[in-house]
Protein backbone atom coordinates (compact mmCIF):
# COMPACT_ATOMS: atom_id res chain seq x y z
CA UNK A 1 -49.48 -12.10 43.01
CA UNK A 2 -51.43 -9.96 40.60
CA UNK A 3 -49.03 -7.66 38.81
CA UNK A 4 -51.61 -4.84 38.87
CA UNK A 5 -51.98 -5.03 42.63
CA UNK A 6 -49.67 -2.54 44.30
CA UNK A 7 -47.00 -3.87 46.69
CA UNK A 8 -47.83 -2.83 50.27
CA UNK A 9 -44.19 -1.89 50.88
CA UNK A 10 -44.00 0.26 47.82
CA UNK A 11 -47.32 1.81 48.66
CA UNK A 12 -45.92 2.86 52.02
CA UNK A 13 -42.98 4.50 50.33
CA UNK A 14 -45.22 6.42 47.99
CA UNK A 15 -47.36 7.62 50.86
CA UNK A 16 -44.25 8.82 52.77
CA UNK A 17 -42.60 10.55 49.80
CA UNK A 18 -45.58 12.32 48.19
CA UNK A 19 -48.75 12.15 50.27
CA UNK A 20 -50.33 15.02 48.36
CA UNK A 21 -50.31 12.91 45.23
CA UNK A 22 -52.74 10.28 46.65
CA UNK A 23 -56.17 10.46 45.06
CA UNK A 24 -59.24 8.24 45.41
CA UNK A 25 -59.18 7.10 41.82
CA UNK A 26 -56.89 4.35 40.75
CA UNK A 27 -55.64 6.24 37.73
CA UNK A 28 -54.45 9.88 38.33
CA UNK A 29 -56.20 12.44 36.18
CA UNK A 30 -54.51 15.04 34.06
CA UNK A 31 -55.58 17.77 36.51
CA UNK A 32 -53.96 16.00 39.45
CA UNK A 33 -50.72 15.54 37.51
CA UNK A 34 -50.59 19.25 36.69
CA UNK A 35 -51.18 20.20 40.35
CA UNK A 36 -48.45 17.82 41.41
CA UNK A 37 -45.91 19.39 39.07
CA UNK A 38 -46.83 22.93 40.19
CA UNK A 39 -46.35 22.07 43.85
CA UNK A 40 -42.95 20.50 43.17
CA UNK A 41 -41.80 23.58 41.22
CA UNK A 42 -43.03 25.89 43.98
CA UNK A 43 -41.19 23.87 46.62
CA UNK A 44 -37.92 23.99 44.63
CA UNK A 45 -38.16 27.79 44.22
CA UNK A 46 -38.47 28.47 47.96
CA UNK A 47 -35.38 29.01 50.19
CA UNK A 48 -35.11 28.84 53.93
CA UNK A 49 -34.50 32.03 55.88
CA UNK A 50 -30.83 31.32 56.71
CA UNK A 51 -29.95 30.74 53.03
CA UNK A 52 -31.65 33.96 51.99
CA UNK A 53 -29.81 35.93 54.70
CA UNK A 54 -26.39 34.63 53.65
CA UNK A 55 -27.19 35.45 50.03
CA UNK A 56 -28.04 39.05 50.99
CA UNK A 57 -24.81 39.37 52.97
CA UNK A 58 -22.73 38.26 49.99
CA UNK A 59 -24.53 39.98 47.14
CA UNK A 60 -25.88 43.17 48.69
CA UNK A 61 -28.80 44.47 50.73
CA UNK A 62 -26.54 46.93 52.60
CA UNK A 63 -29.52 49.00 53.73
CA UNK A 64 -30.90 46.00 55.65
CA UNK A 65 -27.54 44.69 56.83
CA UNK A 66 -27.66 46.01 60.41
CA UNK A 67 -31.22 44.75 60.90
CA UNK A 68 -30.36 41.26 59.56
CA UNK A 69 -27.11 41.00 61.56
CA UNK A 70 -29.11 41.45 64.76
CA UNK A 71 -31.84 39.04 63.70
CA UNK A 72 -32.18 35.85 65.77
CA UNK A 73 -34.26 32.80 65.17
CA UNK A 74 -36.61 32.09 68.06
CA UNK A 75 -36.06 28.37 67.70
CA UNK A 76 -32.27 28.80 67.77
CA UNK A 77 -31.60 26.98 64.48
CA UNK A 78 -30.39 29.98 62.44
CA UNK A 79 -27.36 29.19 60.34
CA UNK A 80 -26.11 32.75 60.74
CA UNK A 81 -26.07 32.45 64.56
CA UNK A 82 -24.32 29.07 64.44
CA UNK A 83 -21.65 29.64 61.79
CA UNK A 84 -21.26 33.36 61.06
CA UNK A 85 -21.32 35.15 64.43
CA UNK A 86 -17.52 35.53 64.46
CA UNK A 87 -17.51 37.33 61.09
CA UNK A 88 -20.04 40.04 61.84
CA UNK A 89 -17.34 42.65 62.56
CA UNK A 90 -15.47 41.70 59.41
CA UNK A 91 -18.63 42.11 57.30
CA UNK A 92 -19.31 45.50 58.79
CA UNK A 93 -15.72 46.61 58.11
CA UNK A 94 -15.96 45.34 54.54
CA UNK A 95 -19.05 47.39 53.82
CA UNK A 96 -17.74 50.51 55.61
CA UNK A 97 -16.60 53.42 53.41
CA UNK A 98 -12.76 53.88 53.73
CA UNK A 99 -11.83 56.87 55.89
CA UNK A 100 -9.63 59.70 54.64
CA UNK A 101 -5.89 59.23 55.23
CA UNK A 102 -4.58 60.80 58.39
CA UNK A 103 -1.17 61.88 59.64
CA UNK A 104 0.73 59.02 61.21
CA UNK A 105 1.00 60.69 64.61
CA UNK A 106 -2.70 61.71 64.83
CA UNK A 107 -4.46 59.99 67.70
CA UNK A 108 -8.15 60.20 68.58
CA UNK A 109 -7.20 60.30 72.25
CA UNK A 110 -5.20 63.48 71.68
CA UNK A 111 -8.38 65.33 70.63
CA UNK A 112 -10.38 64.43 73.73
CA UNK A 113 -10.34 67.29 76.20
CA UNK A 114 -10.95 64.99 79.12
CA UNK A 115 -7.94 62.76 78.42
CA UNK A 116 -5.63 65.68 77.58
CA UNK A 117 -5.78 66.91 81.19
CA UNK A 118 -5.17 63.46 82.68
CA UNK A 119 -1.93 63.02 84.57
CA UNK A 120 0.66 60.48 83.40
CA UNK A 121 3.13 58.81 85.75
CA UNK A 122 6.59 59.85 84.49
CA UNK A 123 8.47 57.55 86.88
CA UNK A 124 7.60 54.58 84.70
CA UNK A 125 10.71 52.97 83.17
CA UNK A 126 9.56 53.83 79.64
CA UNK A 127 9.04 57.51 80.47
CA UNK A 128 11.91 58.35 82.83
CA UNK A 129 14.10 59.70 80.03
CA UNK A 130 11.55 62.43 79.28
CA UNK A 131 11.75 63.90 82.78
CA UNK A 132 13.60 67.23 83.02
CA UNK A 133 13.75 67.18 86.80
CA UNK A 134 12.68 65.32 89.92
CA UNK A 135 9.65 67.60 90.21
CA UNK A 136 8.17 66.20 87.00
CA UNK A 137 6.89 62.96 88.47
CA UNK A 138 3.59 63.47 86.66
CA UNK A 139 2.73 65.30 83.44
CA UNK A 140 -0.45 65.89 81.54
CA UNK A 141 -0.98 63.91 78.37
CA UNK A 142 -0.76 67.09 76.34
CA UNK A 143 2.63 68.05 77.83
CA UNK A 144 3.92 64.52 77.38
CA UNK A 145 2.90 64.61 73.74
CA UNK A 146 4.74 67.91 73.26
CA UNK A 147 7.81 66.38 74.95
CA UNK A 148 7.71 63.40 72.58
CA UNK A 149 7.36 65.67 69.56
CA UNK A 150 10.36 67.75 70.68
CA UNK A 151 12.49 64.62 71.00
CA UNK A 152 11.32 63.46 67.56
CA UNK A 153 12.32 66.77 65.98
CA UNK A 154 15.73 66.59 67.66
CA UNK A 155 16.29 63.08 66.37
CA UNK A 156 15.19 63.96 62.83
CA UNK A 157 16.93 67.32 62.64
CA UNK A 158 13.59 69.10 62.21
CA UNK A 159 10.20 67.97 61.04
CA UNK A 160 10.24 65.68 57.97
CA UNK A 161 8.05 66.66 55.05
CA UNK A 162 5.59 63.80 55.66
CA UNK A 163 5.11 64.79 59.30
CA UNK A 164 5.05 68.49 58.43
CA UNK A 165 2.09 67.82 56.15
CA UNK A 166 0.30 66.06 58.97
CA UNK A 167 0.86 69.00 61.34
CA UNK A 168 -0.47 71.46 58.79
CA UNK A 169 -3.53 69.34 58.02
CA UNK A 170 -4.26 68.92 61.70
CA UNK A 171 -3.96 72.65 62.23
CA UNK A 172 -6.29 73.34 59.32
CA UNK A 173 -8.93 70.91 60.60
CA UNK A 174 -8.74 72.40 64.05
CA UNK A 175 -9.20 75.92 62.68
CA UNK A 176 -12.24 74.90 60.64
CA UNK A 177 -13.75 73.22 63.69
CA UNK A 178 -13.33 76.20 65.98
CA UNK A 179 -12.54 79.51 64.25
CA UNK A 180 -13.05 81.44 67.47
CA UNK A 181 -10.33 79.72 69.43
CA UNK A 182 -7.48 82.20 68.87
CA UNK A 183 -5.29 80.70 71.58
CA UNK A 184 -5.16 77.35 69.85
CA UNK A 185 -4.28 78.94 66.54
CA UNK A 186 -1.45 80.86 68.18
CA UNK A 187 -0.09 77.63 69.67
CA UNK A 188 -0.13 75.98 66.23
CA UNK A 189 1.61 78.90 64.60
CA UNK A 190 4.23 78.84 67.34
CA UNK A 191 4.82 75.15 66.76
CA UNK A 192 5.36 75.75 63.03
CA UNK A 193 7.73 78.58 63.76
CA UNK A 194 9.78 76.29 65.99
CA UNK A 195 9.87 73.34 63.60
CA UNK A 196 9.47 74.77 60.10
CA UNK A 197 10.25 72.92 56.90
CA UNK A 198 13.99 72.81 57.25
CA UNK A 199 14.49 70.62 54.21
CA UNK A 200 12.67 72.87 51.78
CA UNK A 201 12.60 76.44 53.02
CA UNK A 202 14.63 77.06 56.16
CA UNK A 203 17.95 78.85 55.78
CA UNK A 204 19.23 78.19 59.30
CA UNK A 205 20.90 74.96 60.28
CA UNK A 206 18.67 72.83 62.56
CA UNK A 207 20.15 71.25 65.66
CA UNK A 208 20.06 67.60 66.66
CA UNK A 209 20.93 65.73 63.47
CA UNK A 210 23.24 67.09 60.80
CA UNK A 211 22.88 65.92 57.19
CA UNK A 212 26.38 64.70 56.47
CA UNK A 213 27.93 62.24 54.04
CA UNK A 214 31.37 60.64 54.13
CA UNK A 215 33.20 61.13 50.83
CA UNK A 216 36.39 59.74 49.37
CA UNK A 217 39.36 60.96 51.36
CA UNK A 218 40.62 64.36 50.26
CA UNK A 219 44.19 63.06 49.76
CA UNK A 220 43.23 59.67 48.43
CA UNK A 221 45.44 60.18 45.36
CA UNK A 222 48.45 60.64 47.60
CA UNK A 223 48.11 59.69 51.26
CA UNK A 224 50.79 60.92 53.58
CA UNK A 225 53.35 58.40 54.89
CA UNK A 226 53.10 59.71 58.42
CA UNK A 227 51.08 61.98 60.64
CA UNK A 228 49.31 64.88 58.93
CA UNK A 229 49.82 68.18 60.70
CA UNK A 230 47.77 70.54 58.50
CA UNK A 231 44.68 70.53 56.32
CA UNK A 232 43.15 73.67 54.85
CA UNK A 233 40.78 74.59 52.02
CA UNK A 234 41.83 77.22 49.52
CA UNK A 235 40.05 80.56 50.18
CA UNK A 236 38.72 80.93 46.64
CA UNK A 237 39.39 77.74 44.61
CA UNK A 238 37.88 74.28 45.07
CA UNK A 239 41.22 72.99 46.38
CA UNK A 240 42.41 71.48 49.65
CA UNK A 241 45.98 71.37 50.96
CA UNK A 242 47.54 68.76 53.24
CA UNK A 243 50.96 68.73 54.91
CA UNK A 244 52.69 66.43 57.39
CA UNK A 245 55.82 65.02 58.92
CA UNK A 246 56.72 63.20 55.69
CA UNK A 247 58.08 66.60 54.47
CA UNK A 248 55.43 66.96 51.75
CA UNK A 249 52.83 69.59 50.92
CA UNK A 250 50.08 68.41 48.52
CA UNK A 251 47.22 70.12 46.70
CA UNK A 252 44.04 68.28 45.62
CA UNK A 253 41.03 69.22 43.56
CA UNK A 254 37.90 68.67 45.67
CA UNK A 255 34.90 67.11 43.97
CA UNK A 256 33.95 64.53 46.64
CA UNK A 257 34.30 61.64 44.14
CA UNK A 258 37.87 61.26 42.89
CA UNK A 259 39.65 64.31 44.43
CA UNK A 260 42.56 64.22 41.94
CA UNK A 261 45.99 65.43 43.03
CA UNK A 262 47.09 68.75 41.54
CA UNK A 263 50.65 69.02 42.86
CA UNK A 264 53.00 67.80 45.60
CA UNK A 265 55.95 69.69 47.00
CA UNK A 266 58.78 67.95 48.88
CA UNK A 267 60.81 69.99 51.39
CA UNK A 268 64.05 68.17 52.11
CA UNK A 269 64.78 67.60 55.84
CA UNK A 270 61.77 69.73 56.73
CA UNK A 271 58.95 67.82 58.52
CA UNK A 272 56.11 70.29 58.34
CA UNK A 273 54.70 71.41 61.66
CA UNK A 274 52.14 73.75 60.10
CA UNK A 275 51.18 74.95 56.59
CA UNK A 276 48.68 77.62 55.69
CA UNK A 277 47.49 79.56 52.63
CA UNK A 278 48.05 83.28 52.43
CA UNK A 279 44.88 85.41 52.53
CA UNK A 280 44.77 85.72 48.74
CA UNK A 281 45.53 82.06 48.25
CA UNK A 282 48.60 82.69 46.07
CA UNK A 283 51.16 81.46 48.59
CA UNK A 284 51.67 78.68 51.13
CA UNK A 285 53.64 79.32 54.33
CA UNK A 286 55.18 76.30 56.09
CA UNK A 287 57.08 75.96 59.39
CA UNK A 288 58.92 73.08 61.05
CA UNK A 289 59.77 71.99 64.58
CA UNK A 290 63.50 72.44 64.79
CA UNK A 291 64.61 75.92 63.66
CA UNK A 292 63.41 79.38 62.75
CA UNK A 293 63.64 78.68 59.03
CA UNK A 294 60.30 78.69 57.23
CA UNK A 295 59.31 78.39 53.59
CA UNK A 296 57.04 80.43 51.38
CA UNK A 297 55.78 78.60 48.30
CA UNK A 298 54.70 81.09 45.59
CA UNK A 299 52.17 79.14 43.50
CA UNK A 300 51.83 81.88 40.89
CA UNK A 301 55.55 81.83 40.08
CA UNK A 302 56.07 78.19 40.97
CA UNK A 303 59.05 78.69 43.29
CA UNK A 304 59.88 77.98 46.90
CA UNK A 305 61.33 80.87 48.89
CA UNK A 306 63.25 79.99 52.09
CA UNK A 307 63.12 82.61 54.85
CA UNK A 308 66.15 81.95 57.01
CA UNK A 309 65.75 84.78 59.44
CA UNK A 310 63.51 87.73 60.21
CA UNK A 311 65.40 90.88 61.03
CA UNK A 312 65.00 91.65 64.74
CA UNK A 313 63.45 88.29 65.59
CA UNK A 314 65.26 86.72 68.54
CA UNK A 315 63.78 83.25 68.53
CA UNK A 316 65.54 79.93 68.18
CA UNK A 317 62.65 78.30 66.33
CA UNK A 318 59.36 79.24 64.68
CA UNK A 319 56.49 76.72 64.84
CA UNK A 320 53.08 78.25 65.38
CA UNK A 321 51.80 81.16 63.30
CA UNK A 322 48.62 82.80 62.03
CA UNK A 323 47.95 84.73 58.80
CA UNK A 324 45.88 87.88 59.18
CA UNK A 325 42.61 87.89 57.18
CA UNK A 326 43.62 91.11 55.40
CA UNK A 327 46.82 89.41 54.20
CA UNK A 328 49.16 92.05 55.63
CA UNK A 329 50.71 90.27 58.60
CA UNK A 330 52.09 87.01 59.87
CA UNK A 331 51.76 86.45 63.62
CA UNK A 332 54.50 84.22 65.00
CA UNK A 333 54.22 82.61 68.43
CA UNK A 334 57.53 82.74 70.33
CA UNK A 335 58.73 81.56 73.70
CA UNK A 336 58.23 83.14 77.15
CA UNK A 337 54.87 84.61 76.11
CA UNK A 338 56.16 86.64 73.17
CA UNK A 339 54.30 87.15 69.93
CA UNK A 340 55.83 88.76 66.85
CA UNK A 341 54.03 90.62 64.06
CA UNK A 342 55.81 90.23 60.68
CA UNK A 343 54.85 91.81 57.36
CA UNK A 344 53.84 89.36 54.67
CA UNK A 345 55.37 91.44 51.93
CA UNK A 346 58.90 92.05 53.17
CA UNK A 347 59.04 89.50 56.00
CA UNK A 348 60.23 92.17 58.43
CA UNK A 349 59.40 92.41 62.12
CA UNK A 350 56.87 95.17 62.88
CA UNK A 351 56.50 94.78 66.64
CA UNK A 352 56.49 92.26 69.45
CA UNK A 353 54.32 92.05 72.55
CA UNK A 354 54.19 89.79 75.55
CA UNK A 355 51.58 88.00 77.71
CA UNK A 356 51.87 86.23 81.03
CA UNK A 357 52.83 82.57 80.69
CA UNK A 358 53.37 80.71 77.40
CA UNK A 359 51.29 81.20 74.29
CA UNK A 360 48.79 78.33 73.95
CA UNK A 361 46.84 79.65 70.95
CA UNK A 362 46.18 82.79 68.96
CA UNK A 363 43.56 84.03 66.50
CA UNK A 364 42.83 87.15 64.47
CA UNK A 365 39.53 89.00 64.31
CA UNK A 366 37.80 88.83 60.90
CA UNK A 367 38.98 92.37 59.97
CA UNK A 368 42.51 91.73 61.22
CA UNK A 369 42.49 94.63 63.69
CA UNK A 370 42.64 92.51 66.86
CA UNK A 371 44.32 89.36 68.05
CA UNK A 372 43.11 86.98 70.77
CA UNK A 373 45.75 85.06 72.70
CA UNK A 374 45.21 82.13 75.10
CA UNK A 375 47.92 81.39 77.66
CA UNK A 376 48.90 78.20 79.41
CA UNK A 377 47.87 79.84 82.70
CA UNK A 378 44.17 79.89 81.74
CA UNK A 379 44.00 83.58 80.74
CA UNK A 380 42.92 85.27 77.50
CA UNK A 381 44.33 88.55 76.18
CA UNK A 382 42.71 90.82 73.55
CA UNK A 383 45.12 93.14 71.71
CA UNK A 384 44.29 96.10 69.47
CA UNK A 385 46.94 96.12 66.72
CA UNK A 386 46.22 99.66 65.52
CA UNK A 387 46.71 101.17 68.97
CA UNK A 388 49.20 98.53 70.12
CA UNK A 389 47.21 98.16 73.31
CA UNK A 390 45.77 95.32 75.38
CA UNK A 391 42.03 95.99 75.41
CA UNK A 392 41.18 93.44 78.06
CA UNK A 393 42.41 90.38 79.91
CA UNK A 394 40.07 87.80 81.39
CA UNK A 395 40.22 84.41 83.05
CA UNK A 396 38.86 81.43 81.16
CA UNK A 397 36.25 80.03 83.54
CA UNK A 398 37.50 76.83 85.25
CA UNK A 399 40.56 76.51 83.01
CA UNK A 400 43.88 75.45 84.56
CA UNK A 401 45.75 75.50 81.23
CA UNK A 402 44.58 76.88 77.92
CA UNK A 403 45.21 74.86 74.76
CA UNK A 404 43.39 76.60 71.88
CA UNK A 405 41.24 79.57 70.91
CA UNK A 406 38.93 80.52 68.02
CA UNK A 407 36.82 83.54 67.11
CA UNK A 408 33.64 83.29 65.03
CA UNK A 409 33.51 84.82 61.56
CA UNK A 410 30.77 87.26 62.60
CA UNK A 411 32.73 88.34 65.68
CA UNK A 412 29.95 87.30 68.07
CA UNK A 413 31.64 84.38 69.91
CA UNK A 414 35.00 83.46 71.38
CA UNK A 415 35.72 79.77 72.04
CA UNK A 416 38.50 78.73 74.46
CA UNK A 417 39.78 75.17 74.76
CA UNK A 418 41.50 73.80 77.84
CA UNK A 419 43.62 70.83 78.93
CA UNK A 420 40.61 69.20 80.58
CA UNK A 421 38.76 69.01 77.26
CA UNK A 422 36.18 71.66 78.24
CA UNK A 423 35.46 74.27 75.59
CA UNK A 424 33.95 77.51 76.93
CA UNK A 425 32.02 79.69 74.48
CA UNK A 426 31.76 83.40 75.40
CA UNK A 427 29.88 86.42 74.15
CA UNK A 428 32.48 88.66 72.49
CA UNK A 429 31.25 91.91 74.08
CA UNK A 430 31.34 90.41 77.55
CA UNK A 431 34.95 89.40 76.98
CA UNK A 432 35.83 93.01 76.15
CA UNK A 433 34.26 94.43 79.31
CA UNK A 434 34.63 91.89 82.09
CA UNK A 435 37.61 90.25 83.77
CA UNK A 436 35.61 87.13 84.76
CA UNK A 437 32.90 86.70 82.12
CA UNK A 438 30.57 83.73 82.43
CA UNK A 439 30.56 81.43 79.41
CA UNK A 440 27.37 81.09 77.41
CA UNK A 441 27.98 77.36 77.41
CA UNK A 442 30.66 74.99 78.65
CA UNK A 443 30.94 72.16 76.12
CA UNK A 444 32.13 69.02 77.89
CA UNK A 445 32.04 66.40 75.17
CA UNK A 446 35.83 65.97 74.99
CA UNK A 447 37.70 64.12 77.72
CA UNK A 448 41.23 65.02 76.54
CA UNK A 449 42.82 68.42 75.75
CA UNK A 450 40.90 70.44 73.15
CA UNK A 451 43.62 71.10 70.59
CA UNK A 452 41.56 72.18 67.57
CA UNK A 453 38.68 74.71 67.39
CA UNK A 454 37.08 76.00 64.21
CA UNK A 455 33.90 77.98 63.44
CA UNK A 456 32.33 77.56 60.02
CA UNK A 457 31.69 80.52 57.73
CA UNK A 458 28.07 81.06 58.84
CA UNK A 459 28.80 80.68 62.57
CA UNK A 460 26.33 77.79 62.79
CA UNK A 461 28.86 75.08 63.60
CA UNK A 462 31.81 74.93 65.99
CA UNK A 463 34.11 71.98 65.34
CA UNK A 464 36.14 70.79 68.35
CA UNK A 465 38.77 68.08 68.42
CA UNK A 466 41.48 66.50 70.54
CA UNK A 467 44.62 64.98 69.02
CA UNK A 468 45.21 62.54 71.88
CA UNK A 469 42.20 60.25 71.53
CA UNK A 470 40.51 58.28 68.75
CA UNK A 471 37.29 59.69 67.28
CA UNK A 472 37.65 62.77 69.52
CA UNK A 473 35.81 65.16 67.16
CA UNK A 474 32.47 66.84 67.76
CA UNK A 475 30.36 69.28 65.79
CA UNK A 476 28.52 71.79 67.97
CA UNK A 477 25.38 73.56 66.78
CA UNK A 478 25.38 77.35 67.25
CA UNK A 479 23.62 79.10 68.93
CA UNK A 480 22.03 76.20 70.87
CA UNK A 481 25.54 74.86 71.66
CA UNK A 482 24.33 71.28 71.50
CA UNK A 483 26.37 68.54 69.87
CA UNK A 484 25.06 66.88 66.69
CA UNK A 485 24.31 63.35 67.79
CA UNK A 486 25.10 61.58 64.50
CA UNK A 487 28.76 62.65 64.17
CA UNK A 488 30.94 60.76 64.46
CA UNK A 489 28.96 57.50 64.39
CA UNK A 490 30.68 54.41 63.06
CA UNK A 491 31.01 50.74 63.93
CA UNK A 492 34.77 51.09 63.67
CA UNK A 493 37.31 53.90 63.94
CA UNK A 494 37.82 56.17 60.96
CA UNK A 495 39.03 59.43 62.44
CA UNK A 496 41.68 57.98 64.81
CA UNK A 497 43.67 60.83 66.42
CA UNK A 498 42.39 64.01 64.69
CA UNK A 499 45.31 66.42 64.29
CA UNK A 500 43.52 69.34 62.69
CA UNK A 501 40.36 70.20 60.76
CA UNK A 502 38.90 72.86 58.45
CA UNK A 503 35.65 73.90 56.74
CA UNK A 504 35.49 74.88 53.08
CA UNK A 505 34.80 78.60 52.41
CA UNK A 506 31.02 78.15 52.21
CA UNK A 507 30.82 75.17 54.60
CA UNK A 508 29.93 72.64 51.93
CA UNK A 509 32.78 70.34 53.04
CA UNK A 510 34.58 69.45 56.25
CA UNK A 511 38.01 67.79 56.34
CA UNK A 512 39.67 66.13 59.34
CA UNK A 513 43.34 65.14 59.14
CA UNK A 514 44.51 62.27 61.34
CA UNK A 515 47.72 60.64 62.51
CA UNK A 516 47.45 57.89 59.86
CA UNK A 517 48.22 60.30 57.00
CA UNK A 518 44.60 60.58 55.87
CA UNK A 519 42.52 63.69 55.32
CA UNK A 520 38.93 62.52 55.76
CA UNK A 521 36.36 64.44 53.77
CA UNK A 522 32.68 64.99 54.63
CA UNK A 523 29.91 66.65 52.64
CA UNK A 524 27.62 68.89 54.71
CA UNK A 525 24.38 68.66 52.73
CA UNK A 526 22.71 71.66 54.33
CA UNK A 527 25.08 73.97 52.44
CA UNK A 528 24.78 74.05 48.69
CA UNK A 529 28.03 75.89 47.89
CA UNK A 530 31.64 74.83 48.28
């Protein structure tokens, strides 16, 4: 075969691959070569529509994005339709400008007037706890939202700073959107007045959750070997005293970290029933269970003074007593309903008076002019010491046997504990005028006799305890008279049988003494002073 003759098979391949290159002449001219190269270059530079669209999506063309996302090939061969339809939403989200940060509890549905009036079924198992009565089977979305916010504030002890900021921003946006809606502004202001920024600016203690921290035990340097019967903070120094049946009285410096021991005093054959500081804090008075002997420890002179008998006092033993806030008198509880007023200076009997039944508890008013006595027959007596007269006598509502009594520092409230564990809190003025006053609140969180009651210095907390059950201590918020839900909360017992308790002078600390010889110490963070 002639080498110059083209192979028919190869000629077919050339015709199929580049038909535009076929010319009539056997030898291609220079012009045909140049045209051939130009057409190849033009073909390489062109891109199909699907490739161009994907390139625009990746590298830009935002202004034409919506138009190209909705583009469809009539033939149905578009690569975008076949492979990228599931990512259209992601591409739109990627190109969208990020929105301004919003409060975590903001919801678009909350701003829609139509949905705010819609009724919500409150009988659903997830919403039953928010019902306040059987009549509330349905609530509007707006009222349900308010109910949820109220529960949130109770759980958090107020509105946290991050949520507070969201409330303020929402209120500001709403005001800018509708300056003429005075009612809405009033509602927002009312909400802020109710919640407030308790962490930063509020002076009152919020209810619900109390900011409290467990510290090293107050008597960690010297735990008692038996049951503690007394714990009390010094009226002016950062000191706490403990006493118990191991015949010891101990003083500790309170710092919440190491609480070093200052001094211990051993009273031979004298298990301490009660120990208390004098009003000026210079002395400690201690009584026992078995006789009428009591001791006075003079801390300034460093000596122990035994008081064997009080002239005119016809009692076989002296156990319970109270020191008047003015430091002038010692009130001794006797038998058969007798109470005896003794001078602190000379330890002489001034007068005695009697109530019906046995004395269950006694307390002085803050100025020392009155005493309040609870009897085991469920009655309360109010005595005026200056006039030596019983001002009033009233029945503790529902009480069969009284066990304890306390009067608030500001003189506004009287708390009466009973054998059933119920603690009734009364308005002081009502107790002076009525024989059957109705309590402001009956606190029923104890199931055993309420043996210890104590108001703090600001009359914002009432501590109640029972010495016959483990963990039977509660802190009650005043004036809402609701119990703080986070105290005590522990996986195991710490408090055991709480025998007595006390607040520091400015409520910065709380101590609870138990039957294991430990004086537990807690820091109340709301109060900055000791």
